[in-house]
Protein backbone atom coordinates (compact mmCIF):
# COMPACT_ATOMS: atom_id res chain seq x y z
CA MET A 1 94.42 36.52 114.31
CA ARG A 2 96.79 38.66 112.27
CA PRO A 3 97.79 42.35 112.37
CA THR A 4 95.23 44.72 110.86
CA LEU A 5 95.99 47.32 108.22
CA ARG A 6 95.60 49.97 110.89
CA GLN A 7 98.19 48.28 113.07
CA LEU A 8 100.59 48.03 110.13
CA GLN A 9 100.06 51.73 109.48
CA TYR A 10 100.84 52.50 113.13
CA ILE A 11 104.01 50.40 113.07
CA VAL A 12 105.26 52.10 109.90
CA ALA A 13 104.46 55.55 111.31
CA VAL A 14 106.54 54.88 114.44
CA ALA A 15 109.39 53.53 112.31
CA GLU A 16 109.42 56.65 110.13
CA SER A 17 109.02 59.24 112.89
CA GLY A 18 111.29 57.48 115.39
CA ARG A 19 109.01 58.33 118.32
CA PHE A 20 105.64 57.05 119.55
CA ARG A 21 104.49 60.56 120.45
CA ASP A 22 105.31 61.99 117.03
CA ALA A 23 103.65 59.06 115.27
CA ALA A 24 100.50 59.47 117.37
CA THR A 25 100.33 63.17 116.51
CA GLN A 26 100.83 62.45 112.83
CA LEU A 27 98.06 59.82 112.84
CA GLY A 28 95.67 61.86 114.97
CA VAL A 29 95.36 59.25 117.73
CA SER A 30 96.33 59.15 121.38
CA GLN A 31 99.71 57.74 122.31
CA PRO A 32 98.22 55.06 124.62
CA SER A 33 95.96 53.87 121.81
CA LEU A 34 98.90 53.72 119.42
CA SER A 35 101.03 51.77 121.89
CA GLU A 36 98.18 49.36 122.61
CA GLN A 37 97.63 48.61 118.92
CA ILE A 38 101.33 47.96 118.34
CA SER A 39 101.58 45.76 121.42
CA ASP A 40 98.58 43.78 120.16
CA ALA A 41 100.27 43.31 116.76
CA GLU A 42 103.46 42.13 118.47
CA ALA A 43 101.47 39.64 120.53
CA GLN A 44 99.80 38.25 117.42
CA LEU A 45 103.13 37.90 115.64
CA GLY A 46 104.90 36.55 118.71
CA VAL A 47 107.87 38.90 118.37
CA THR A 48 108.97 42.33 119.56
CA LEU A 49 109.05 44.83 116.71
CA ILE A 50 109.90 48.12 118.40
CA GLU A 51 112.01 48.80 121.47
CA ARG A 52 111.87 52.03 123.43
CA ALA A 53 115.22 53.71 124.01
CA ARG A 54 116.38 57.11 125.24
CA THR A 55 116.92 58.17 121.66
CA GLY A 56 113.41 57.10 120.66
CA ALA A 57 111.78 54.05 119.09
CA VAL A 58 114.25 51.50 117.72
CA LEU A 59 113.27 48.69 115.35
CA THR A 60 114.39 45.18 116.16
CA PRO A 61 115.74 43.03 113.29
CA ALA A 62 112.29 41.47 113.01
CA GLY A 63 110.76 44.93 113.09
CA VAL A 64 112.90 46.09 110.16
CA GLU A 65 111.62 43.23 108.02
CA ILE A 66 108.00 43.66 109.12
CA VAL A 67 108.13 47.39 108.33
CA ARG A 68 109.56 46.66 104.87
CA ARG A 69 106.72 44.22 104.11
CA ALA A 70 104.09 46.46 105.73
CA ARG A 71 105.04 49.32 103.43
CA ILE A 72 104.50 47.08 100.42
CA ILE A 73 101.09 45.99 101.70
CA LEU A 74 100.00 49.55 102.48
CA THR A 75 101.19 50.73 99.08
CA HIS A 76 99.11 48.05 97.36
CA VAL A 77 96.07 49.11 99.38
CA GLU A 78 96.55 52.74 98.33
CA ASP A 79 96.96 51.58 94.74
CA LEU A 80 93.62 49.77 94.93
CA LYS A 81 91.94 52.96 96.10
CA THR A 82 93.53 54.89 93.28
CA VAL A 83 92.45 52.33 90.68
CA ALA A 84 88.89 52.76 91.92
CA ARG A 85 89.16 56.56 91.61
CA GLN A 86 90.64 56.25 88.11
CA SER A 87 87.73 54.05 87.08
CA ALA A 88 85.44 56.89 88.09
CA GLY A 89 87.47 59.28 85.91
CA ASP A 90 88.76 61.35 88.82
CA LEU A 91 92.20 62.74 89.57
CA ALA A 92 91.69 62.98 93.29
CA GLY A 93 92.99 61.66 96.58
CA ARG A 94 96.47 61.82 98.04
CA TYR A 95 99.66 61.35 96.03
CA ARG A 96 103.11 61.09 97.56
CA LEU A 97 105.79 63.00 95.66
CA GLY A 98 109.51 63.02 96.35
CA THR A 99 111.79 65.65 94.89
CA LEU A 100 115.39 66.71 94.77
CA PRO A 101 116.02 69.63 97.15
CA THR A 102 117.64 71.46 94.23
CA ILE A 103 114.32 71.36 92.35
CA GLY A 104 111.37 71.16 94.74
CA PRO A 105 111.46 74.54 96.50
CA TYR A 106 111.63 76.41 93.20
CA LEU A 107 109.21 74.38 91.06
CA LEU A 108 106.58 72.98 93.40
CA PRO A 109 104.97 76.10 94.94
CA SER A 110 103.77 77.21 91.51
CA ALA A 111 103.10 73.66 90.30
CA VAL A 112 101.04 72.62 93.34
CA ARG A 113 99.02 75.84 93.14
CA GLU A 114 98.23 75.05 89.49
CA LEU A 115 97.32 71.46 90.35
CA HIS A 116 94.89 72.54 93.04
CA GLN A 117 93.16 74.83 90.57
CA LEU A 118 92.84 72.05 88.00
CA TYR A 119 92.05 69.22 90.42
CA PRO A 120 90.46 70.55 93.63
CA ASP A 121 90.17 67.10 95.21
CA LEU A 122 93.86 66.29 94.71
CA ARG A 123 96.18 66.27 97.72
CA MET A 124 99.93 66.22 97.27
CA GLY A 125 102.30 65.12 100.02
CA VAL A 126 105.86 66.27 99.26
CA ARG A 127 109.22 65.13 100.64
CA GLU A 128 112.63 66.52 99.73
CA GLU A 129 115.35 63.88 99.70
CA ARG A 130 118.78 63.11 98.30
CA THR A 131 118.86 61.05 95.10
CA ILE A 132 119.79 57.81 96.87
CA ASP A 133 116.97 58.24 99.39
CA LEU A 134 114.42 59.06 96.69
CA ASP A 135 115.31 55.84 94.91
CA GLU A 136 114.91 53.75 98.06
CA LYS A 137 111.55 55.26 98.97
CA LEU A 138 110.20 54.98 95.44
CA ASN A 139 111.12 51.30 95.27
CA ASP A 140 109.70 50.36 98.68
CA GLY A 141 106.43 52.20 98.06
CA ARG A 142 106.78 55.14 100.41
CA LEU A 143 106.62 57.48 97.40
CA ASP A 144 104.36 57.25 94.35
CA MET A 145 106.59 59.34 92.10
CA ILE A 146 109.71 61.47 92.26
CA ILE A 147 111.21 64.43 90.43
CA SER A 148 114.78 63.45 89.73
CA THR A 149 117.24 62.40 87.02
CA ALA A 150 115.83 59.29 85.32
CA GLU A 151 119.20 57.56 84.83
CA ASP A 152 119.59 57.23 88.59
CA HIS A 153 116.45 55.12 88.98
CA LEU A 154 116.62 51.77 87.20
CA ASN A 155 113.56 49.63 86.47
CA SER A 156 111.34 52.71 86.57
CA GLU A 157 109.24 54.64 84.07
CA SER A 158 109.70 58.35 83.45
CA MET A 159 108.72 61.39 81.42
CA GLN A 160 111.07 64.31 80.88
CA LEU A 161 109.99 67.57 82.47
CA PHE A 162 112.74 69.96 81.39
CA ASP A 163 116.36 70.23 80.33
CA GLU A 164 118.27 71.86 83.15
CA GLN A 165 121.32 74.02 82.53
CA LEU A 166 123.94 74.72 85.17
CA TYR A 167 125.04 78.25 86.06
CA VAL A 168 128.04 79.72 87.81
CA CYS A 169 127.35 82.01 90.71
CA THR A 170 130.17 84.30 91.87
CA ALA A 171 130.86 87.47 93.78
CA SER A 172 130.26 90.52 91.60
CA ASP A 173 133.97 91.42 91.60
CA ASP A 174 135.09 87.98 90.39
CA PRO A 175 136.71 88.04 86.92
CA ILE A 176 134.19 85.45 85.73
CA GLY A 177 131.46 87.99 86.32
CA GLN A 178 133.05 90.53 83.99
CA GLY A 179 131.27 89.48 80.84
CA ASP A 180 127.94 88.76 79.21
CA GLY A 181 126.25 85.61 78.00
CA PRO A 182 127.19 81.95 78.50
CA LEU A 183 130.51 81.15 80.15
CA LYS A 184 133.04 78.96 78.38
CA ILE A 185 134.24 76.03 80.46
CA SER A 186 137.86 77.16 80.03
CA ALA A 187 137.11 80.08 82.37
CA LEU A 188 136.87 77.60 85.26
CA LYS A 189 140.40 76.25 84.81
CA GLY A 190 142.34 76.29 88.08
CA ARG A 191 139.39 77.62 90.07
CA GLU A 192 137.88 76.16 93.22
CA VAL A 193 134.30 75.00 92.77
CA LEU A 194 131.71 74.68 95.54
CA SER A 195 129.20 71.85 95.52
CA LEU A 196 126.69 69.95 97.62
CA GLY A 197 127.79 66.95 99.67
CA TYR A 198 127.68 63.22 99.01
CA GLY A 199 124.40 61.66 97.97
CA HIS A 200 123.24 64.58 95.87
CA ARG A 201 123.20 63.89 92.14
CA LEU A 202 124.30 67.49 91.52
CA SER A 203 127.61 66.83 93.27
CA THR A 204 128.42 64.08 90.75
CA VAL A 205 127.59 66.34 87.82
CA VAL A 206 129.70 69.16 89.24
CA GLN A 207 132.64 66.81 89.82
CA LYS A 208 132.63 65.70 86.16
CA LEU A 209 132.31 69.28 84.98
CA ALA A 210 135.22 70.40 87.18
CA GLU A 211 137.43 67.59 85.87
CA ALA A 212 136.67 68.55 82.27
CA ALA A 213 137.43 72.21 83.00
CA GLY A 214 140.64 71.63 84.92
CA ALA A 215 139.03 73.03 88.05
CA HIS A 216 138.85 71.31 91.42
CA VAL A 217 135.92 70.77 93.79
CA SER A 218 136.52 72.18 97.25
CA THR A 219 137.39 69.61 99.89
CA GLU A 220 137.19 72.25 102.61
CA TYR A 221 133.51 72.96 102.23
CA GLU A 222 130.61 70.73 101.20
CA GLY A 223 127.32 72.58 101.19
CA THR A 224 124.10 71.24 102.62
CA SER A 225 121.97 73.58 100.49
CA LEU A 226 122.19 75.72 97.39
CA ASP A 227 121.78 78.83 99.53
CA ALA A 228 124.82 77.80 101.57
CA ILE A 229 127.18 77.37 98.60
CA ARG A 230 125.88 80.57 96.99
CA GLN A 231 126.62 82.54 100.15
CA MET A 232 130.11 81.05 100.35
CA ALA A 233 130.70 82.05 96.73
CA GLY A 234 129.52 85.56 97.55
CA MET A 235 132.23 85.76 100.21
CA GLY A 236 134.88 84.78 97.68
CA ALA A 237 135.36 81.20 98.88
CA GLY A 238 134.97 79.78 95.38
CA ILE A 239 132.57 79.47 92.49
CA ALA A 240 129.15 77.97 93.15
CA ILE A 241 127.61 75.86 90.40
CA VAL A 242 123.84 75.85 90.68
CA PRO A 243 120.93 74.51 88.59
CA SER A 244 118.83 76.74 86.38
CA LEU A 245 115.64 77.00 88.45
CA TYR A 246 117.64 78.12 91.46
CA ALA A 247 119.79 80.47 89.38
CA VAL A 248 116.88 82.30 87.77
CA MET A 249 114.61 82.36 90.82
CA GLU A 250 116.97 82.91 93.77
CA ALA A 251 120.62 83.64 92.96
CA ASN A 252 119.67 86.22 90.36
CA LYS A 253 117.96 88.33 93.03
CA ASP A 254 121.24 89.09 94.85
CA PRO A 255 122.70 92.38 93.53
CA HIS A 256 126.13 91.44 94.88
CA GLN A 257 126.44 88.25 92.84
CA ILE A 258 126.66 87.36 89.17
CA VAL A 259 124.99 84.34 87.57
CA ARG A 260 125.95 83.10 84.11
CA PRO A 261 125.00 79.90 82.26
CA ILE A 262 127.82 77.46 81.46
CA ASP A 263 128.29 76.62 77.80
CA HIS A 264 129.20 72.92 77.82
CA PRO A 265 127.35 69.59 77.30
CA LEU A 266 128.32 68.44 80.80
CA ALA A 267 126.58 71.49 82.24
CA ARG A 268 123.15 70.11 81.40
CA ARG A 269 120.96 67.39 82.85
CA GLN A 270 117.47 66.14 82.19
CA ILE A 271 114.96 66.41 85.01
CA SER A 272 112.13 63.87 84.85
CA LEU A 273 109.09 62.65 86.69
CA VAL A 274 109.80 59.03 87.65
CA TRP A 275 107.48 56.27 88.92
CA ARG A 276 107.60 52.53 89.55
CA ALA A 277 107.27 50.34 86.47
CA GLY A 278 103.79 48.82 86.34
CA SER A 279 102.30 51.33 88.78
CA PRO A 280 98.50 51.51 88.51
CA LEU A 281 98.92 55.26 89.04
CA GLU A 282 100.77 55.69 85.75
CA GLN A 283 97.93 57.35 83.84
CA ASN A 284 97.34 59.96 86.51
CA ILE A 285 101.04 60.49 87.15
CA GLN A 286 101.47 61.37 83.50
CA LYS A 287 98.68 63.95 83.80
CA LEU A 288 100.49 65.48 86.75
CA GLY A 289 103.73 65.42 84.77
CA LEU A 290 102.22 67.55 82.03
CA VAL A 291 101.41 70.22 84.61
CA PHE A 292 104.91 70.07 86.12
CA ARG A 293 106.40 70.38 82.62
CA ASP A 294 104.32 73.44 81.69
CA VAL A 295 105.00 75.23 84.97
CA ALA A 296 108.75 74.57 84.72
CA ALA A 297 108.81 75.95 81.17
CA ASP A 298 107.05 79.15 82.30
CA LEU A 299 109.36 79.65 85.29
CA LEU A 300 112.52 79.13 83.24
CA ALA A 301 111.31 81.44 80.46
CA GLN A 302 110.46 84.23 82.90
CA GLY A 303 113.64 83.80 84.93
CA GLY A 304 115.81 83.54 81.83
CA LYS A 305 114.74 87.00 80.72
CA ALA A 306 115.70 88.39 84.13
CA VAL A 307 119.16 86.78 83.98
CA LYS A 308 119.81 88.18 80.51
CA GLY A 309 118.84 91.61 81.73
CA LYS A 310 121.16 91.35 84.72
CA THR A 311 124.25 90.13 82.94
């Protein structure tokens, strides 16, 4: 006897949720049934995979390795199903998309709505993660594709979605706000810049931009979200540097803040749809990418007009 695919799915679900109860709810099964299936798998393998602790379910060293291999197996099974659907000419079923938190909330509501209209049988599961976590989950098969910066994901395939420009966001009475059009990088010299914390690709880009401008990134405050650093900037704690989708869709709505694009090569980055090299989903992923690209272009064009009118 050997563990079944269902048992592997249960083990992975507990590993990802950290609790038997949460995993059972996610899978739509009873907790006793879940526990019984995992115990049966452990008996067949002759090793304990998951230990119960006060903090939740904890993987043993053997459990960590089994979960890693189980994810690969389950990914291959999903790939087989997708290959069958592709042979029938359908873009249907469930796809797992990861996205940067600086992109997803502003692009995906419109993009997913468009996808559902074009492909009614398509289901899109979305997770927001830091760049380093997106890379890990793409490589181990927990995600089918990610929206990120292609250079951060080696041995992958990608298609560019849009060229993202960075904006400054300041309180309305800040000297930087007293002007129109793109901001020269020299205006940032000596200023304190607010950024997201470690693990976010945006923080690396902002650090390089600050160094080139003679500015310095705040060591007193590392934001956990774009909203957080924008609000700090609004209180005069520094200058927030935010990506274009956020600038034109969120920051621009605040009448007490000014947003202006930064005129410098370092204030741009390419956002791409990225997938594993050799993925059998590649053809369909590219179809999805075309939709993401078109929606992003529309959002940026509409928001860009609003920013010009404001500044």
